[in-house]
PDB file of all heavy atoms in Angstrom:
ATOM      1  N   TRP A   1     105.854  65.476  95.579  1.00  0.00           N
ATOM      2  CA  TRP A   1     105.386  66.836  95.562  1.00  0.00           C
ATOM      3  C   TRP A   1     104.633  67.141  94.306  1.00  0.00           C
ATOM      4  O   TRP A   1     103.677  67.878  94.169  1.00  0.00           O
ATOM      5  CB  TRP A   1     106.437  67.833  95.588  1.00  0.00           C
ATOM      6  CG  TRP A   1     107.550  67.826  94.643  1.00  0.00           C
ATOM      7  CD1 TRP A   1     108.769  67.124  94.666  1.00  0.00           C
ATOM      8  CD2 TRP A   1     107.578  68.528  93.332  1.00  0.00           C
ATOM      9  NE1 TRP A   1     109.422  67.328  93.526  1.00  0.00           N
ATOM     10  CE2 TRP A   1     108.744  68.145  92.737  1.00  0.00           C
ATOM     11  CE3 TRP A   1     106.589  69.457  92.709  1.00  0.00           C
ATOM     12  CZ2 TRP A   1     109.076  68.679  91.451  1.00  0.00           C
ATOM     13  CZ3 TRP A   1     106.931  69.837  91.416  1.00  0.00           C
ATOM     14  CH2 TRP A   1     108.078  69.465  90.908  1.00  0.00           C
ATOM     15  N   TRP A   2     105.028  66.389  93.132  1.00  0.00           N
ATOM     16  CA  TRP A   2     104.326  66.686  91.858  1.00  0.00           C
ATOM     17  C   TRP A   2     103.022  65.937  91.896  1.00  0.00           C
ATOM     18  O   TRP A   2     102.012  66.472  91.357  1.00  0.00           O
ATOM     19  CB  TRP A   2     105.273  66.168  90.841  1.00  0.00           C
ATOM     20  CG  TRP A   2     104.598  66.301  89.345  1.00  0.00           C
ATOM     21  CD1 TRP A   2     104.176  65.406  88.514  1.00  0.00           C
ATOM     22  CD2 TRP A   2     104.270  67.496  88.694  1.00  0.00           C
ATOM     23  NE1 TRP A   2     103.702  65.869  87.426  1.00  0.00           N
ATOM     24  CE2 TRP A   2     103.706  67.277  87.497  1.00  0.00           C
ATOM     25  CE3 TRP A   2     104.399  68.905  89.178  1.00  0.00           C
ATOM     26  CZ2 TRP A   2     103.291  68.223  86.722  1.00  0.00           C
ATOM     27  CZ3 TRP A   2     103.993  69.884  88.248  1.00  0.00           C
ATOM     28  CH2 TRP A   2     103.320  69.547  87.057  1.00  0.00           C
ATOM     29  N   VAL A   3     102.919  64.700  92.440  1.00  0.00           N
ATOM     30  CA  VAL A   3     101.646  63.988  92.658  1.00  0.00           C
ATOM     31  C   VAL A   3     100.698  64.919  93.458  1.00  0.00           C
ATOM     32  O   VAL A   3      99.486  65.013  93.119  1.00  0.00           O
ATOM     33  CB  VAL A   3     101.811  62.697  93.307  1.00  0.00           C
ATOM     34  CG1 VAL A   3     100.515  62.039  93.699  1.00  0.00           C
ATOM     35  CG2 VAL A   3     102.703  61.773  92.382  1.00  0.00           C
ATOM     36  N   THR A   4     101.176  65.569  94.551  1.00  0.00           N
ATOM     37  CA  THR A   4     100.347  66.279  95.347  1.00  0.00           C
ATOM     38  C   THR A   4      99.743  67.595  94.628  1.00  0.00           C
ATOM     39  O   THR A   4      98.644  67.899  94.729  1.00  0.00           O
ATOM     40  CB  THR A   4     101.226  66.929  96.487  1.00  0.00           C
ATOM     41  OG1 THR A   4     101.660  65.879  97.222  1.00  0.00           O
ATOM     42  CG2 THR A   4     100.356  67.732  97.465  1.00  0.00           C
ATOM     43  N   ILE A   5     100.593  68.264  93.748  1.00  0.00           N
ATOM     44  CA  ILE A   5     100.196  69.321  92.893  1.00  0.00           C
ATOM     45  C   ILE A   5      99.066  68.991  92.007  1.00  0.00           C
ATOM     46  O   ILE A   5      97.963  69.650  91.891  1.00  0.00           O
ATOM     47  CB  ILE A   5     101.379  69.978  92.210  1.00  0.00           C
ATOM     48  CG1 ILE A   5     102.287  70.748  93.133  1.00  0.00           C
ATOM     49  CG2 ILE A   5     100.851  70.900  91.037  1.00  0.00           C
ATOM     50  CD1 ILE A   5     103.437  71.261  92.378  1.00  0.00           C
ATOM     51  N   VAL A   6      99.159  67.726  91.302  1.00  0.00           N
ATOM     52  CA  VAL A   6      98.218  67.379  90.424  1.00  0.00           C
ATOM     53  C   VAL A   6      96.804  67.046  91.123  1.00  0.00           C
ATOM     54  O   VAL A   6      95.691  67.479  90.784  1.00  0.00           O
ATOM     55  CB  VAL A   6      98.679  66.082  89.668  1.00  0.00           C
ATOM     56  CG1 VAL A   6      97.544  65.516  88.712  1.00  0.00           C
ATOM     57  CG2 VAL A   6      99.828  66.525  88.861  1.00  0.00           C
ATOM     58  N   LEU A   7      96.919  66.398  92.300  1.00  0.00           N
ATOM     59  CA  LEU A   7      95.680  66.133  93.035  1.00  0.00           C
ATOM     60  C   LEU A   7      95.156  67.398  93.589  1.00  0.00           C
ATOM     61  O   LEU A   7      93.830  67.402  93.775  1.00  0.00           O
ATOM     62  CB  LEU A   7      96.057  65.201  94.270  1.00  0.00           C
ATOM     63  CG  LEU A   7      96.507  63.811  93.862  1.00  0.00           C
ATOM     64  CD1 LEU A   7      96.769  62.896  95.033  1.00  0.00           C
ATOM     65  CD2 LEU A   7      95.432  63.128  92.905  1.00  0.00           C
ATOM     66  N   CYS A   8      95.890  68.382  93.927  1.00  0.00           N
ATOM     67  CA  CYS A   8      95.332  69.681  94.453  1.00  0.00           C
ATOM     68  C   CYS A   8      94.546  70.414  93.269  1.00  0.00           C
ATOM     69  O   CYS A   8      93.482  70.997  93.650  1.00  0.00           O
ATOM     70  CB  CYS A   8      96.518  70.496  94.881  1.00  0.00           C
ATOM     71  SG  CYS A   8      97.118  70.055  96.513  1.00  0.00           S
ATOM     72  N   LEU A   9      94.989  70.291  92.108  1.00  0.00           N
ATOM     73  CA  LEU A   9      94.318  70.978  91.003  1.00  0.00           C
ATOM     74  C   LEU A   9      92.874  70.324  90.794  1.00  0.00           C
ATOM     75  O   LEU A   9      91.899  71.024  90.579  1.00  0.00           O
ATOM     76  CB  LEU A   9      95.104  70.707  89.698  1.00  0.00           C
ATOM     77  CG  LEU A   9      96.379  71.510  89.507  1.00  0.00           C
ATOM     78  CD1 LEU A   9      97.113  71.084  88.219  1.00  0.00           C
ATOM     79  CD2 LEU A   9      96.179  73.019  89.549  1.00  0.00           C
ATOM     80  N   VAL A  10      92.772  68.882  90.930  1.00  0.00           N
ATOM     81  CA  VAL A  10      91.595  68.228  90.883  1.00  0.00           C
ATOM     82  C   VAL A  10      90.652  68.651  92.081  1.00  0.00           C
ATOM     83  O   VAL A  10      89.456  68.921  91.923  1.00  0.00           O
ATOM     84  CB  VAL A  10      91.723  66.810  90.935  1.00  0.00           C
ATOM     85  CG1 VAL A  10      90.382  65.989  90.911  1.00  0.00           C
ATOM     86  CG2 VAL A  10      92.655  66.246  89.615  1.00  0.00           C
ATOM     87  N   GLY A  11      91.222  68.845  93.240  1.00  0.00           N
ATOM     88  CA  GLY A  11      90.529  69.172  94.382  1.00  0.00           C
ATOM     89  C   GLY A  11      89.921  70.634  94.275  1.00  0.00           C
ATOM     90  O   GLY A  11      88.790  70.871  94.635  1.00  0.00           O
ATOM     91  N   ILE A  12      90.683  71.529  93.899  1.00  0.00           N
ATOM     92  CA  ILE A  12      90.267  72.823  93.618  1.00  0.00           C
ATOM     93  C   ILE A  12      88.940  72.937  92.594  1.00  0.00           C
ATOM     94  O   ILE A  12      88.042  73.519  92.845  1.00  0.00           O
ATOM     95  CB  ILE A  12      91.443  73.829  93.011  1.00  0.00           C
ATOM     96  CG1 ILE A  12      92.480  73.918  94.162  1.00  0.00           C
ATOM     97  CG2 ILE A  12      90.834  75.117  92.547  1.00  0.00           C
ATOM     98  CD1 ILE A  12      93.809  74.657  93.713  1.00  0.00           C
ATOM     99  N   SER A  13      89.214  72.169  91.561  1.00  0.00           N
ATOM    100  CA  SER A  13      88.046  72.134  90.497  1.00  0.00           C
ATOM    101  C   SER A  13      86.836  71.477  91.263  1.00  0.00           C
ATOM    102  O   SER A  13      85.770  72.002  91.017  1.00  0.00           O
ATOM    103  CB  SER A  13      88.496  71.225  89.378  1.00  0.00           C
ATOM    104  OG  SER A  13      87.544  70.954  88.546  1.00  0.00           O
ATOM    105  N   ASN A  14      86.876  70.558  91.949  1.00  0.00           N
ATOM    106  CA  ASN A  14      85.890  69.887  92.582  1.00  0.00           C
ATOM    107  C   ASN A  14      85.035  70.804  93.536  1.00  0.00           C
ATOM    108  O   ASN A  14      83.758  70.816  93.544  1.00  0.00           O
ATOM    109  CB  ASN A  14      86.260  68.638  93.455  1.00  0.00           C
ATOM    110  CG  ASN A  14      85.073  67.793  93.957  1.00  0.00           C
ATOM    111  OD1 ASN A  14      84.249  67.334  93.114  1.00  0.00           O
ATOM    112  ND2 ASN A  14      85.204  67.493  95.178  1.00  0.00           N
ATOM    113  N   GLY A  15      85.755  71.704  94.300  1.00  0.00           N
ATOM    114  CA  GLY A  15      85.147  72.671  95.111  1.00  0.00           C
ATOM    115  C   GLY A  15      84.289  73.628  94.393  1.00  0.00           C
ATOM    116  O   GLY A  15      83.177  73.898  94.729  1.00  0.00           O
ATOM    117  N   PHE A  16      84.797  74.151  93.137  1.00  0.00           N
ATOM    118  CA  PHE A  16      83.818  75.033  92.408  1.00  0.00           C
ATOM    119  C   PHE A  16      82.910  74.321  91.719  1.00  0.00           C
ATOM    120  O   PHE A  16      81.757  74.766  91.614  1.00  0.00           O
ATOM    121  CB  PHE A  16      84.862  75.615  91.357  1.00  0.00           C
ATOM    122  CG  PHE A  16      85.777  76.689  91.745  1.00  0.00           C
ATOM    123  CD1 PHE A  16      87.074  76.589  91.784  1.00  0.00           C
ATOM    124  CD2 PHE A  16      85.203  77.961  92.241  1.00  0.00           C
ATOM    125  CE1 PHE A  16      87.843  77.658  92.239  1.00  0.00           C
ATOM    126  CE2 PHE A  16      86.005  79.005  92.587  1.00  0.00           C
ATOM    127  CZ  PHE A  16      87.382  78.794  92.650  1.00  0.00           C
ATOM    128  N   ASN A  17      83.060  72.967  91.373  1.00  0.00           N
ATOM    129  CA  ASN A  17      82.099  72.294  90.556  1.00  0.00           C
ATOM    130  C   ASN A  17      80.828  72.003  91.434  1.00  0.00           C
ATOM    131  O   ASN A  17      79.675  72.189  91.063  1.00  0.00           O
ATOM    132  CB  ASN A  17      82.533  71.009  90.070  1.00  0.00           C
ATOM    133  CG  ASN A  17      83.303  71.181  88.664  1.00  0.00           C
ATOM    134  OD1 ASN A  17      82.765  72.002  87.860  1.00  0.00           O
ATOM    135  ND2 ASN A  17      84.238  70.564  88.440  1.00  0.00           N
ATOM    136  N   ASN A  18      81.057  71.604  92.746  1.00  0.00           N
ATOM    137  CA  ASN A  18      80.007  71.153  93.638  1.00  0.00           C
ATOM    138  C   ASN A  18      79.087  72.365  93.857  1.00  0.00           C
ATOM    139  O   ASN A  18      77.849  72.195  93.807  1.00  0.00           O
ATOM    140  CB  ASN A  18      80.482  70.630  94.924  1.00  0.00           C
ATOM    141  CG  ASN A  18      81.001  69.153  94.821  1.00  0.00           C
ATOM    142  OD1 ASN A  18      80.591  68.539  93.934  1.00  0.00           O
ATOM    143  ND2 ASN A  18      81.948  68.851  95.651  1.00  0.00           N
ATOM    144  N   VAL A  19      79.707  73.597  94.260  1.00  0.00           N
ATOM    145  CA  VAL A  19      78.856  74.650  94.495  1.00  0.00           C
ATOM    146  C   VAL A  19      78.231  75.270  93.234  1.00  0.00           C
ATOM    147  O   VAL A  19      77.041  75.628  93.230  1.00  0.00           O
ATOM    148  CB  VAL A  19      79.636  75.700  95.227  1.00  0.00           C
ATOM    149  CG1 VAL A  19      78.755  76.959  95.571  1.00  0.00           C
ATOM    150  CG2 VAL A  19      80.274  75.031  96.552  1.00  0.00           C
ATOM    151  N   GLY A  20      79.056  75.383  92.243  1.00  0.00           N
ATOM    152  CA  GLY A  20      78.561  76.042  90.932  1.00  0.00           C
ATOM    153  C   GLY A  20      77.442  75.249  90.260  1.00  0.00           C
ATOM    154  O   GLY A  20      76.398  75.955  89.842  1.00  0.00           O
ATOM    155  N   LEU A  21      77.459  73.965  90.146  1.00  0.00           N
ATOM    156  CA  LEU A  21      76.500  73.228  89.479  1.00  0.00           C
ATOM    157  C   LEU A  21      75.198  73.100  90.275  1.00  0.00           C
ATOM    158  O   LEU A  21      74.221  73.136  89.719  1.00  0.00           O
ATOM    159  CB  LEU A  21      77.040  71.787  89.174  1.00  0.00           C
ATOM    160  CG  LEU A  21      77.988  71.785  87.972  1.00  0.00           C
ATOM    161  CD1 LEU A  21      78.592  70.385  87.857  1.00  0.00           C
ATOM    162  CD2 LEU A  21      77.361  72.211  86.712  1.00  0.00           C
ATOM    163  N   GLN A  22      75.325  73.013  91.642  1.00  0.00           N
ATOM    164  CA  GLN A  22      74.054  73.103  92.489  1.00  0.00           C
ATOM    165  C   GLN A  22      73.415  74.356  92.300  1.00  0.00           C
ATOM    166  O   GLN A  22      72.106  74.503  92.334  1.00  0.00           O
ATOM    167  CB  GLN A  22      74.511  72.724  93.951  1.00  0.00           C
ATOM    168  CG  GLN A  22      74.880  71.300  94.241  1.00  0.00           C
ATOM    169  CD  GLN A  22      75.015  71.102  95.631  1.00  0.00           C
ATOM    170  OE1 GLN A  22      74.133  70.738  96.578  1.00  0.00           O
ATOM    171  NE2 GLN A  22      76.436  71.096  96.057  1.00  0.00           N
ATOM    172  N   ASN A  23      74.166  75.530  92.365  1.00  0.00           N
ATOM    173  CA  ASN A  23      73.568  76.776  92.135  1.00  0.00           C
ATOM    174  C   ASN A  23      72.878  76.971  90.746  1.00  0.00           C
ATOM    175  O   ASN A  23      71.852  77.562  90.588  1.00  0.00           O
ATOM    176  CB  ASN A  23      74.657  77.759  92.383  1.00  0.00           C
ATOM    177  CG  ASN A  23      74.014  79.265  92.470  1.00  0.00           C
ATOM    178  OD1 ASN A  23      73.376  79.653  93.431  1.00  0.00           O
ATOM    179  ND2 ASN A  23      74.205  80.000  91.410  1.00  0.00           N
ATOM    180  N   ALA A  24      73.616  76.471  89.778  1.00  0.00           N
ATOM    181  CA  ALA A  24      73.021  76.497  88.490  1.00  0.00           C
ATOM    182  C   ALA A  24      71.700  75.682  88.381  1.00  0.00           C
ATOM    183  O   ALA A  24      70.760  76.016  87.664  1.00  0.00           O
ATOM    184  CB  ALA A  24      74.049  75.853  87.342  1.00  0.00           C
ATOM    185  N   LEU A  25      71.680  74.499  89.133  1.00  0.00           N
ATOM    186  CA  LEU A  25      70.427  73.779  89.191  1.00  0.00           C
ATOM    187  C   LEU A  25      69.267  74.619  89.770  1.00  0.00           C
ATOM    188  O   LEU A  25      68.176  74.718  89.279  1.00  0.00           O
ATOM    189  CB  LEU A  25      70.601  72.564  90.067  1.00  0.00           C
ATOM    190  CG  LEU A  25      69.365  71.743  90.493  1.00  0.00           C
ATOM    191  CD1 LEU A  25      68.936  70.827  89.297  1.00  0.00           C
ATOM    192  CD2 LEU A  25      69.535  70.838  91.756  1.00  0.00           C
ATOM    193  N   PHE A  26      69.568  75.377  90.889  1.00  0.00           N
ATOM    194  CA  PHE A  26      68.546  76.241  91.595  1.00  0.00           C
ATOM    195  C   PHE A  26      68.110  77.344  90.668  1.00  0.00           C
ATOM    196  O   PHE A  26      67.045  77.873  90.805  1.00  0.00           O
ATOM    197  CB  PHE A  26      69.038  76.667  92.987  1.00  0.00           C
ATOM    198  CG  PHE A  26      69.080  75.605  93.932  1.00  0.00           C
ATOM    199  CD1 PHE A  26      69.755  75.774  95.166  1.00  0.00           C
ATOM    200  CD2 PHE A  26      68.505  74.395  93.685  1.00  0.00           C
ATOM    201  CE1 PHE A  26      69.734  74.754  96.099  1.00  0.00           C
ATOM    202  CE2 PHE A  26      68.415  73.386  94.716  1.00  0.00           C
ATOM    203  CZ  PHE A  26      69.107  73.592  95.906  1.00  0.00           C
ATOM    204  N   GLU A  27      69.101  77.920  89.857  1.00  0.00           N
ATOM    205  CA  GLU A  27      68.764  79.074  89.009  1.00  0.00           C
ATOM    206  C   GLU A  27      67.795  78.661  87.938  1.00  0.00           C
ATOM    207  O   GLU A  27      67.064  79.497  87.512  1.00  0.00           O
ATOM    208  CB  GLU A  27      70.128  79.622  88.505  1.00  0.00           C
ATOM    209  CG  GLU A  27      70.966  80.340  89.418  1.00  0.00           C
ATOM    210  CD  GLU A  27      72.242  80.885  88.726  1.00  0.00           C
ATOM    211  OE1 GLU A  27      72.607  80.287  87.596  1.00  0.00           O
ATOM    212  OE2 GLU A  27      72.879  81.775  89.250  1.00  0.00           O
ATOM    213  N   ASN A  28      67.818  77.406  87.633  1.00  0.00           N
ATOM    214  CA  ASN A  28      67.084  77.039  86.389  1.00  0.00           C
ATOM    215  C   ASN A  28      65.920  76.038  86.725  1.00  0.00           C
ATOM    216  O   ASN A  28      65.060  75.807  85.741  1.00  0.00           O
ATOM    217  CB  ASN A  28      67.956  76.359  85.386  1.00  0.00           C
ATOM    218  CG  ASN A  28      68.946  77.333  84.914  1.00  0.00           C
ATOM    219  OD1 ASN A  28      68.597  78.058  83.924  1.00  0.00           O
ATOM    220  ND2 ASN A  28      70.190  77.261  85.298  1.00  0.00           N
ATOM    221  N   ALA A  29      65.747  75.540  87.920  1.00  0.00           N
ATOM    222  CA  ALA A  29      64.625  74.581  88.263  1.00  0.00           C
ATOM    223  C   ALA A  29      63.456  75.555  88.907  1.00  0.00           C
ATOM    224  O   ALA A  29      63.737  76.256  89.821  1.00  0.00           O
ATOM    225  CB  ALA A  29      65.092  73.549  89.254  1.00  0.00           C
ATOM    226  N   PRO A  30      62.265  75.243  88.481  1.00  0.00           N
ATOM    227  CA  PRO A  30      61.079  75.873  89.142  1.00  0.00           C
ATOM    228  C   PRO A  30      61.012  75.499  90.661  1.00  0.00           C
ATOM    229  O   PRO A  30      61.287  74.258  90.915  1.00  0.00           O
ATOM    230  CB  PRO A  30      59.943  75.427  88.398  1.00  0.00           C
ATOM    231  CG  PRO A  30      60.452  75.040  86.940  1.00  0.00           C
ATOM    232  CD  PRO A  30      61.858  74.428  87.327  1.00  0.00           C
ATOM    233  N   VAL A  31      60.606  76.335  91.519  1.00  0.00           N
ATOM    234  CA  VAL A  31      60.476  76.055  92.969  1.00  0.00           C
ATOM    235  C   VAL A  31      59.532  74.836  93.168  1.00  0.00           C
ATOM    236  O   VAL A  31      59.715  74.067  94.000  1.00  0.00           O
ATOM    237  CB  VAL A  31      59.961  77.241  93.817  1.00  0.00           C
ATOM    238  CG1 VAL A  31      59.805  76.876  95.195  1.00  0.00           C
ATOM    239  CG2 VAL A  31      60.884  78.460  93.578  1.00  0.00           C
ATOM    240  N   SER A  32      58.361  74.750  92.363  1.00  0.00           N
ATOM    241  CA  SER A  32      57.403  73.649  92.546  1.00  0.00           C
ATOM    242  C   SER A  32      58.001  72.244  92.382  1.00  0.00           C
ATOM    243  O   SER A  32      57.338  71.298  92.998  1.00  0.00           O
ATOM    244  CB  SER A  32      56.293  73.916  91.549  1.00  0.00           C
ATOM    245  OG  SER A  32      56.753  73.813  90.149  1.00  0.00           O
ATOM    246  N   VAL A  33      59.153  72.132  91.703  1.00  0.00           N
ATOM    247  CA  VAL A  33      59.722  70.701  91.406  1.00  0.00           C
ATOM    248  C   VAL A  33      61.051  70.699  91.926  1.00  0.00           C
ATOM    249  O   VAL A  33      61.772  69.733  91.544  1.00  0.00           O
ATOM    250  CB  VAL A  33      59.615  70.415  89.978  1.00  0.00           C
ATOM    251  CG1 VAL A  33      58.230  70.211  89.492  1.00  0.00           C
ATOM    252  CG2 VAL A  33      60.429  71.377  89.080  1.00  0.00           C
ATOM    253  N   ILE A  34      61.548  71.577  92.924  1.00  0.00           N
ATOM    254  CA  ILE A  34      62.900  71.687  93.195  1.00  0.00           C
ATOM    255  C   ILE A  34      63.314  70.340  93.992  1.00  0.00           C
ATOM    256  O   ILE A  34      64.512  69.839  93.735  1.00  0.00           O
ATOM    257  CB  ILE A  34      63.121  72.877  94.066  1.00  0.00           C
ATOM    258  CG1 ILE A  34      64.656  73.152  94.222  1.00  0.00           C
ATOM    259  CG2 ILE A  34      62.457  72.826  95.368  1.00  0.00           C
ATOM    260  CD1 ILE A  34      65.394  73.313  92.949  1.00  0.00           C
ATOM    261  N   GLY A  35      62.460  69.742  94.791  1.00  0.00           N
ATOM    262  CA  GLY A  35      62.741  68.538  95.468  1.00  0.00           C
ATOM    263  C   GLY A  35      63.130  67.457  94.502  1.00  0.00           C
ATOM    264  O   GLY A  35      64.172  66.810  94.620  1.00  0.00           O
ATOM    265  N   THR A  36      62.287  67.333  93.491  1.00  0.00           N
ATOM    266  CA  THR A  36      62.486  66.190  92.475  1.00  0.00           C
ATOM    267  C   THR A  36      63.768  66.444  91.633  1.00  0.00           C
ATOM    268  O   THR A  36      64.520  65.630  91.413  1.00  0.00           O
ATOM    269  CB  THR A  36      61.317  66.079  91.406  1.00  0.00           C
ATOM    270  OG1 THR A  36      60.142  65.973  92.206  1.00  0.00           O
ATOM    271  CG2 THR A  36      61.410  65.047  90.610  1.00  0.00           C
ATOM    272  N   ALA A  37      63.930  67.786  91.303  1.00  0.00           N
ATOM    273  CA  ALA A  37      65.141  68.137  90.523  1.00  0.00           C
ATOM    274  C   ALA A  37      66.453  67.917  91.305  1.00  0.00           C
ATOM    275  O   ALA A  37      67.316  67.471  90.928  1.00  0.00           O
ATOM    276  CB  ALA A  37      65.113  69.605  90.092  1.00  0.00           C
TER     277      ALA A  37
END
């Protein structure tokens, strides 16, 4: 149960990171080079 809790903390973080960093990329990359970025 303790191993499960620790892994869940990492999983929760991963969900926020994937969406948050991709959105941060789009907020800061010009549309003209978004494919390359």
